Amino acid sequence: MKNIVLIGMPGSGKSTVGVLLAKAAAMQFVDTDIIIQQKTGRKLQDIIDKEGIDFFLKTESEILRELACENTVISTGGSAVCTRPAMEHLKSIGTAVFLDVPLCELKRRIDNITTRGIALKKGETLDMLYNERLPLYKKYADITVSSADTEETVKRILIQL
């Protein structure tokens, strides 16, 4: 079976939904943020703080382009859509599912924006990041699923696949 690639803003529930989706669909699960941390031996926020956004995005892109799996739910970092070659690769190995969560709900869910490992430019707010990335999520999505509780989101994805 083809992979399912979850894309969306930080706080959209990609990791949580991904685990449940993988279980429901009898698939494997990988979280690319965890892969990045394992391969670099560093936390995401440490990479961003010490090396900068560009280095982080380059590292993320390289790791995403190396992914070679089947029958797997892939939870990507929110910034995966910022690098075209990485997204082209992910779309070539799976179906991209955009977890569309309204900005007001993301603000409710995320209380640690500067320490969570989010690829923010200096002075950038969650509003700015949302407005910058929303067109990219829509561009790369094969399927868009609106925000719901976790189990309902899983059901909506399975119905649309």
C-alpha atoms as a PDB file:
ATOM      1  CA  MET A   1       0.000   0.000   0.000  1.00  0.00           C
ATOM      2  CA  LYS A   2       1.088   3.540  -0.712  1.00  0.00           C
ATOM      3  CA  ASN A   3       2.183   5.721   2.194  1.00  0.00           C
ATOM      4  CA  ILE A   4       0.008   8.377   3.806  1.00  0.00           C
ATOM      5  CA  VAL A   5       1.902  11.643   4.317  1.00  0.00           C
ATOM      6  CA  LEU A   6       0.393  13.964   6.932  1.00  0.00           C
ATOM      7  CA  ILE A   7       1.095  17.664   6.423  1.00  0.00           C
ATOM      8  CA  GLY A   8      -0.107  20.665   8.389  1.00  0.00           C
ATOM      9  CA  MET A   9       0.769  23.390  10.816  1.00  0.00           C
ATOM     10  CA  PRO A  10       2.517  22.703  14.103  1.00  0.00           C
ATOM     11  CA  GLY A  11      -0.214  21.749  16.544  1.00  0.00           C
ATOM     12  CA  SER A  12      -2.526  20.359  13.860  1.00  0.00           C
ATOM     13  CA  GLY A  13      -2.307  16.862  15.339  1.00  0.00           C
ATOM     14  CA  LYS A  14      -0.153  15.126  12.737  1.00  0.00           C
ATOM     15  CA  SER A  15       1.681  12.913  15.229  1.00  0.00           C
ATOM     16  CA  THR A  16      -1.384  12.080  17.318  1.00  0.00           C
ATOM     17  CA  VAL A  17      -3.608  11.414  14.303  1.00  0.00           C
ATOM     18  CA  GLY A  18      -0.767   9.551  12.602  1.00  0.00           C
ATOM     19  CA  VAL A  19      -0.384   6.961  15.357  1.00  0.00           C
ATOM     20  CA  LEU A  20      -4.130   6.248  15.430  1.00  0.00           C
ATOM     21  CA  LEU A  21      -4.412   6.264  11.633  1.00  0.00           C
ATOM     22  CA  ALA A  22      -1.554   3.776  11.310  1.00  0.00           C
ATOM     23  CA  LYS A  23      -3.224   1.481  13.827  1.00  0.00           C
ATOM     24  CA  ALA A  24      -6.631   1.750  12.129  1.00  0.00           C
ATOM     25  CA  ALA A  25      -5.160   1.104   8.661  1.00  0.00           C
ATOM     26  CA  ALA A  26      -2.718  -1.623   9.819  1.00  0.00           C
ATOM     27  CA  MET A  27       0.248   0.466   8.671  1.00  0.00           C
ATOM     28  CA  GLN A  28       3.615   1.444  10.137  1.00  0.00           C
ATOM     29  CA  PHE A  29       4.155   4.932  11.590  1.00  0.00           C
ATOM     30  CA  VAL A  30       7.114   7.319  11.396  1.00  0.00           C
ATOM     31  CA  ASP A  31       7.472  10.873  12.678  1.00  0.00           C
ATOM     32  CA  THR A  32      10.013  12.794  10.628  1.00  0.00           C
ATOM     33  CA  ASP A  33      10.767  15.203  13.496  1.00  0.00           C
ATOM     34  CA  ILE A  34      11.919  12.193  15.531  1.00  0.00           C
ATOM     35  CA  ILE A  35      14.005  10.924  12.601  1.00  0.00           C
ATOM     36  CA  ILE A  36      15.699  14.337  12.351  1.00  0.00           C
ATOM     37  CA  GLN A  37      16.479  14.273  16.075  1.00  0.00           C
ATOM     38  CA  GLN A  38      17.819  10.711  15.893  1.00  0.00           C
ATOM     39  CA  LYS A  39      20.017  11.384  12.846  1.00  0.00           C
ATOM     40  CA  THR A  40      21.441  14.645  14.216  1.00  0.00           C
ATOM     41  CA  GLY A  41      21.536  13.653  17.882  1.00  0.00           C
ATOM     42  CA  ARG A  42      19.951  17.022  18.718  1.00  0.00           C
ATOM     43  CA  LYS A  43      16.564  18.458  19.579  1.00  0.00           C
ATOM     44  CA  LEU A  44      14.867  20.467  16.838  1.00  0.00           C
ATOM     45  CA  GLN A  45      14.917  23.688  18.850  1.00  0.00           C
ATOM     46  CA  ASP A  46      18.653  23.272  19.490  1.00  0.00           C
ATOM     47  CA  ILE A  47      19.311  22.981  15.736  1.00  0.00           C
ATOM     48  CA  ILE A  48      17.181  26.063  15.018  1.00  0.00           C
ATOM     49  CA  ASP A  49      18.725  28.123  17.846  1.00  0.00           C
ATOM     50  CA  LYS A  50      22.350  27.248  17.113  1.00  0.00           C
ATOM     51  CA  GLU A  51      22.416  26.685  13.339  1.00  0.00           C
ATOM     52  CA  GLY A  52      19.499  28.790  12.103  1.00  0.00           C
ATOM     53  CA  ILE A  53      16.350  28.192  10.080  1.00  0.00           C
ATOM     54  CA  ASP A  54      18.097  27.680   6.728  1.00  0.00           C
ATOM     55  CA  PHE A  55      20.335  24.932   8.114  1.00  0.00           C
ATOM     56  CA  PHE A  56      17.356  23.258   9.777  1.00  0.00           C
ATOM     57  CA  LEU A  57      15.274  23.336   6.576  1.00  0.00           C
ATOM     58  CA  LYS A  58      18.214  21.959   4.549  1.00  0.00           C
ATOM     59  CA  THR A  59      18.694  19.126   7.062  1.00  0.00           C
ATOM     60  CA  GLU A  60      14.971  18.383   7.121  1.00  0.00           C
ATOM     61  CA  SER A  61      14.810  18.350   3.319  1.00  0.00           C
ATOM     62  CA  GLU A  62      17.751  15.941   3.025  1.00  0.00           C
ATOM     63  CA  ILE A  63      16.215  13.545   5.520  1.00  0.00           C
ATOM     64  CA  LEU A  64      12.768  13.704   3.903  1.00  0.00           C
ATOM     65  CA  ARG A  65      14.242  13.024   0.452  1.00  0.00           C
ATOM     66  CA  GLU A  66      15.986   9.922   1.847  1.00  0.00           C
ATOM     67  CA  LEU A  67      12.756   8.386   3.151  1.00  0.00           C
ATOM     68  CA  ALA A  68      12.112   5.050   1.517  1.00  0.00           C
ATOM     69  CA  CYS A  69       9.195   3.217   3.044  1.00  0.00           C
ATOM     70  CA  GLU A  70       5.939   1.523   2.119  1.00  0.00           C
ATOM     71  CA  ASN A  71       2.659   0.999   3.915  1.00  0.00           C
ATOM     72  CA  THR A  72       3.569   3.758   6.382  1.00  0.00           C
ATOM     73  CA  VAL A  73       1.856   6.799   7.838  1.00  0.00           C
ATOM     74  CA  ILE A  74       4.450   9.581   7.724  1.00  0.00           C
ATOM     75  CA  SER A  75       3.957  12.493  10.109  1.00  0.00           C
ATOM     76  CA  THR A  76       5.991  15.408   8.773  1.00  0.00           C
ATOM     77  CA  GLY A  77       7.189  18.517  10.535  1.00  0.00           C
ATOM     78  CA  GLY A  78       5.128  21.621   9.825  1.00  0.00           C
ATOM     79  CA  SER A  79       7.963  23.041   7.731  1.00  0.00           C
ATOM     80  CA  ALA A  80       8.185  20.063   5.342  1.00  0.00           C
ATOM     81  CA  VAL A  81       6.181  22.026   2.749  1.00  0.00           C
ATOM     82  CA  CYS A  82       8.830  24.754   2.670  1.00  0.00           C
ATOM     83  CA  THR A  83      11.133  22.672   0.484  1.00  0.00           C
ATOM     84  CA  ARG A  84       9.810  21.682  -2.946  1.00  0.00           C
ATOM     85  CA  PRO A  85      12.194  18.727  -3.599  1.00  0.00           C
ATOM     86  CA  ALA A  86      11.253  17.150  -0.266  1.00  0.00           C
ATOM     87  CA  MET A  87       7.535  17.492  -0.961  1.00  0.00           C
ATOM     88  CA  GLU A  88       7.916  16.180  -4.501  1.00  0.00           C
ATOM     89  CA  HIS A  89       9.614  13.089  -3.088  1.00  0.00           C
ATOM     90  CA  LEU A  90       6.986  12.610  -0.369  1.00  0.00           C
ATOM     91  CA  LYS A  91       4.180  12.929  -2.915  1.00  0.00           C
ATOM     92  CA  SER A  92       5.929  10.403  -5.170  1.00  0.00           C
ATOM     93  CA  ILE A  93       5.858   7.800  -2.385  1.00  0.00           C
ATOM     94  CA  GLY A  94       2.489   8.617  -0.819  1.00  0.00           C
ATOM     95  CA  THR A  95      -0.775  10.487  -0.629  1.00  0.00           C
ATOM     96  CA  ALA A  96      -0.454  13.903   1.047  1.00  0.00           C
ATOM     97  CA  VAL A  97      -3.189  14.601   3.605  1.00  0.00           C
ATOM     98  CA  PHE A  98      -3.464  18.173   4.886  1.00  0.00           C
ATOM     99  CA  LEU A  99      -4.829  18.433   8.434  1.00  0.00           C
ATOM    100  CA  ASP A 100      -6.562  21.795   8.159  1.00  0.00           C
ATOM    101  CA  VAL A 101      -6.919  23.381  11.587  1.00  0.00           C
ATOM    102  CA  PRO A 102      -8.111  26.984  12.017  1.00  0.00           C
ATOM    103  CA  LEU A 103      -5.575  29.491  13.324  1.00  0.00           C
ATOM    104  CA  CYS A 104      -7.624  30.168  16.468  1.00  0.00           C
ATOM    105  CA  GLU A 105      -7.495  26.458  17.372  1.00  0.00           C
ATOM    106  CA  LEU A 106      -3.749  26.282  16.704  1.00  0.00           C
ATOM    107  CA  LYS A 107      -3.255  29.225  19.068  1.00  0.00           C
ATOM    108  CA  ARG A 108      -5.229  27.367  21.718  1.00  0.00           C
ATOM    109  CA  ARG A 109      -3.144  24.217  21.273  1.00  0.00           C
ATOM    110  CA  ILE A 110       0.326  25.799  21.070  1.00  0.00           C
ATOM    111  CA  ASP A 111       1.559  27.640  24.134  1.00  0.00           C
ATOM    112  CA  ASN A 112       5.294  27.224  23.595  1.00  0.00           C
ATOM    113  CA  ILE A 113       5.887  28.546  20.082  1.00  0.00           C
ATOM    114  CA  THR A 114       9.471  29.702  20.712  1.00  0.00           C
ATOM    115  CA  THR A 115      10.660  26.490  22.404  1.00  0.00           C
ATOM    116  CA  ARG A 116       8.720  23.789  20.530  1.00  0.00           C
ATOM    117  CA  GLY A 117      11.120  23.349  17.609  1.00  0.00           C
ATOM    118  CA  ILE A 118       9.030  25.341  15.148  1.00  0.00           C
ATOM    119  CA  ALA A 119      10.963  26.799  12.213  1.00  0.00           C
ATOM    120  CA  LEU A 120      10.197  30.467  12.925  1.00  0.00           C
ATOM    121  CA  LYS A 121      12.174  33.363  11.558  1.00  0.00           C
ATOM    122  CA  LYS A 122      13.226  35.987  14.090  1.00  0.00           C
ATOM    123  CA  GLY A 123      10.188  38.078  15.011  1.00  0.00           C
ATOM    124  CA  GLU A 124       7.778  35.794  13.149  1.00  0.00           C
ATOM    125  CA  THR A 125       4.433  35.082  14.808  1.00  0.00           C
ATOM    126  CA  LEU A 126       2.146  32.077  14.492  1.00  0.00           C
ATOM    127  CA  ASP A 127      -0.249  34.244  12.445  1.00  0.00           C
ATOM    128  CA  MET A 128       2.532  35.095   9.996  1.00  0.00           C
ATOM    129  CA  LEU A 129       3.667  31.478   9.760  1.00  0.00           C
ATOM    130  CA  TYR A 130       0.088  30.309   9.145  1.00  0.00           C
ATOM    131  CA  ASN A 131      -0.460  32.853   6.363  1.00  0.00           C
ATOM    132  CA  GLU A 132       2.865  31.916   4.754  1.00  0.00           C
ATOM    133  CA  ARG A 133       2.338  28.149   4.845  1.00  0.00           C
ATOM    134  CA  LEU A 134      -1.408  27.759   4.228  1.00  0.00           C
ATOM    135  CA  PRO A 135      -1.047  28.147   0.423  1.00  0.00           C
ATOM    136  CA  LEU A 136       1.739  25.545   0.443  1.00  0.00           C
ATOM    137  CA  TYR A 137      -0.330  23.003   2.372  1.00  0.00           C
ATOM    138  CA  LYS A 138      -3.190  23.513  -0.084  1.00  0.00           C
ATOM    139  CA  LYS A 139      -0.824  23.233  -3.050  1.00  0.00           C
ATOM    140  CA  TYR A 140       0.689  19.912  -1.983  1.00  0.00           C
ATOM    141  CA  ALA A 141      -2.430  18.270  -0.499  1.00  0.00           C
ATOM    142  CA  ASP A 142      -4.044  15.391  -2.331  1.00  0.00           C
ATOM    143  CA  ILE A 143      -6.700  15.301   0.398  1.00  0.00           C
ATOM    144  CA  THR A 144      -7.711  18.000   2.887  1.00  0.00           C
ATOM    145  CA  VAL A 145      -9.351  17.044   6.166  1.00  0.00           C
ATOM    146  CA  SER A 146     -10.887  19.743   8.334  1.00  0.00           C
ATOM    147  CA  SER A 147     -10.212  19.825  12.036  1.00  0.00           C
ATOM    148  CA  ALA A 148     -12.212  17.468  14.196  1.00  0.00           C
ATOM    149  CA  ASP A 149     -11.490  15.360  17.250  1.00  0.00           C
ATOM    150  CA  THR A 150      -8.723  12.861  16.677  1.00  0.00           C
ATOM    151  CA  GLU A 151     -10.858   9.779  16.061  1.00  0.00           C
ATOM    152  CA  GLU A 152     -13.190  11.659  13.712  1.00  0.00           C
ATOM    153  CA  THR A 153     -10.182  12.973  11.780  1.00  0.00           C
ATOM    154  CA  VAL A 154      -8.903   9.409  11.340  1.00  0.00           C
ATOM    155  CA  LYS A 155     -12.329   8.310  10.055  1.00  0.00           C
ATOM    156  CA  ARG A 156     -12.475  11.229   7.606  1.00  0.00           C
ATOM    157  CA  ILE A 157      -9.037  10.360   6.227  1.00  0.00           C
ATOM    158  CA  LEU A 158      -9.880   6.685   5.777  1.00  0.00           C
ATOM    159  CA  ILE A 159     -13.114   7.554   3.962  1.00  0.00           C
ATOM    160  CA  GLN A 160     -11.296   9.851   1.514  1.00  0.00           C
ATOM    161  CA  LEU A 161      -8.408   7.501   0.689  1.00  0.00           C
END
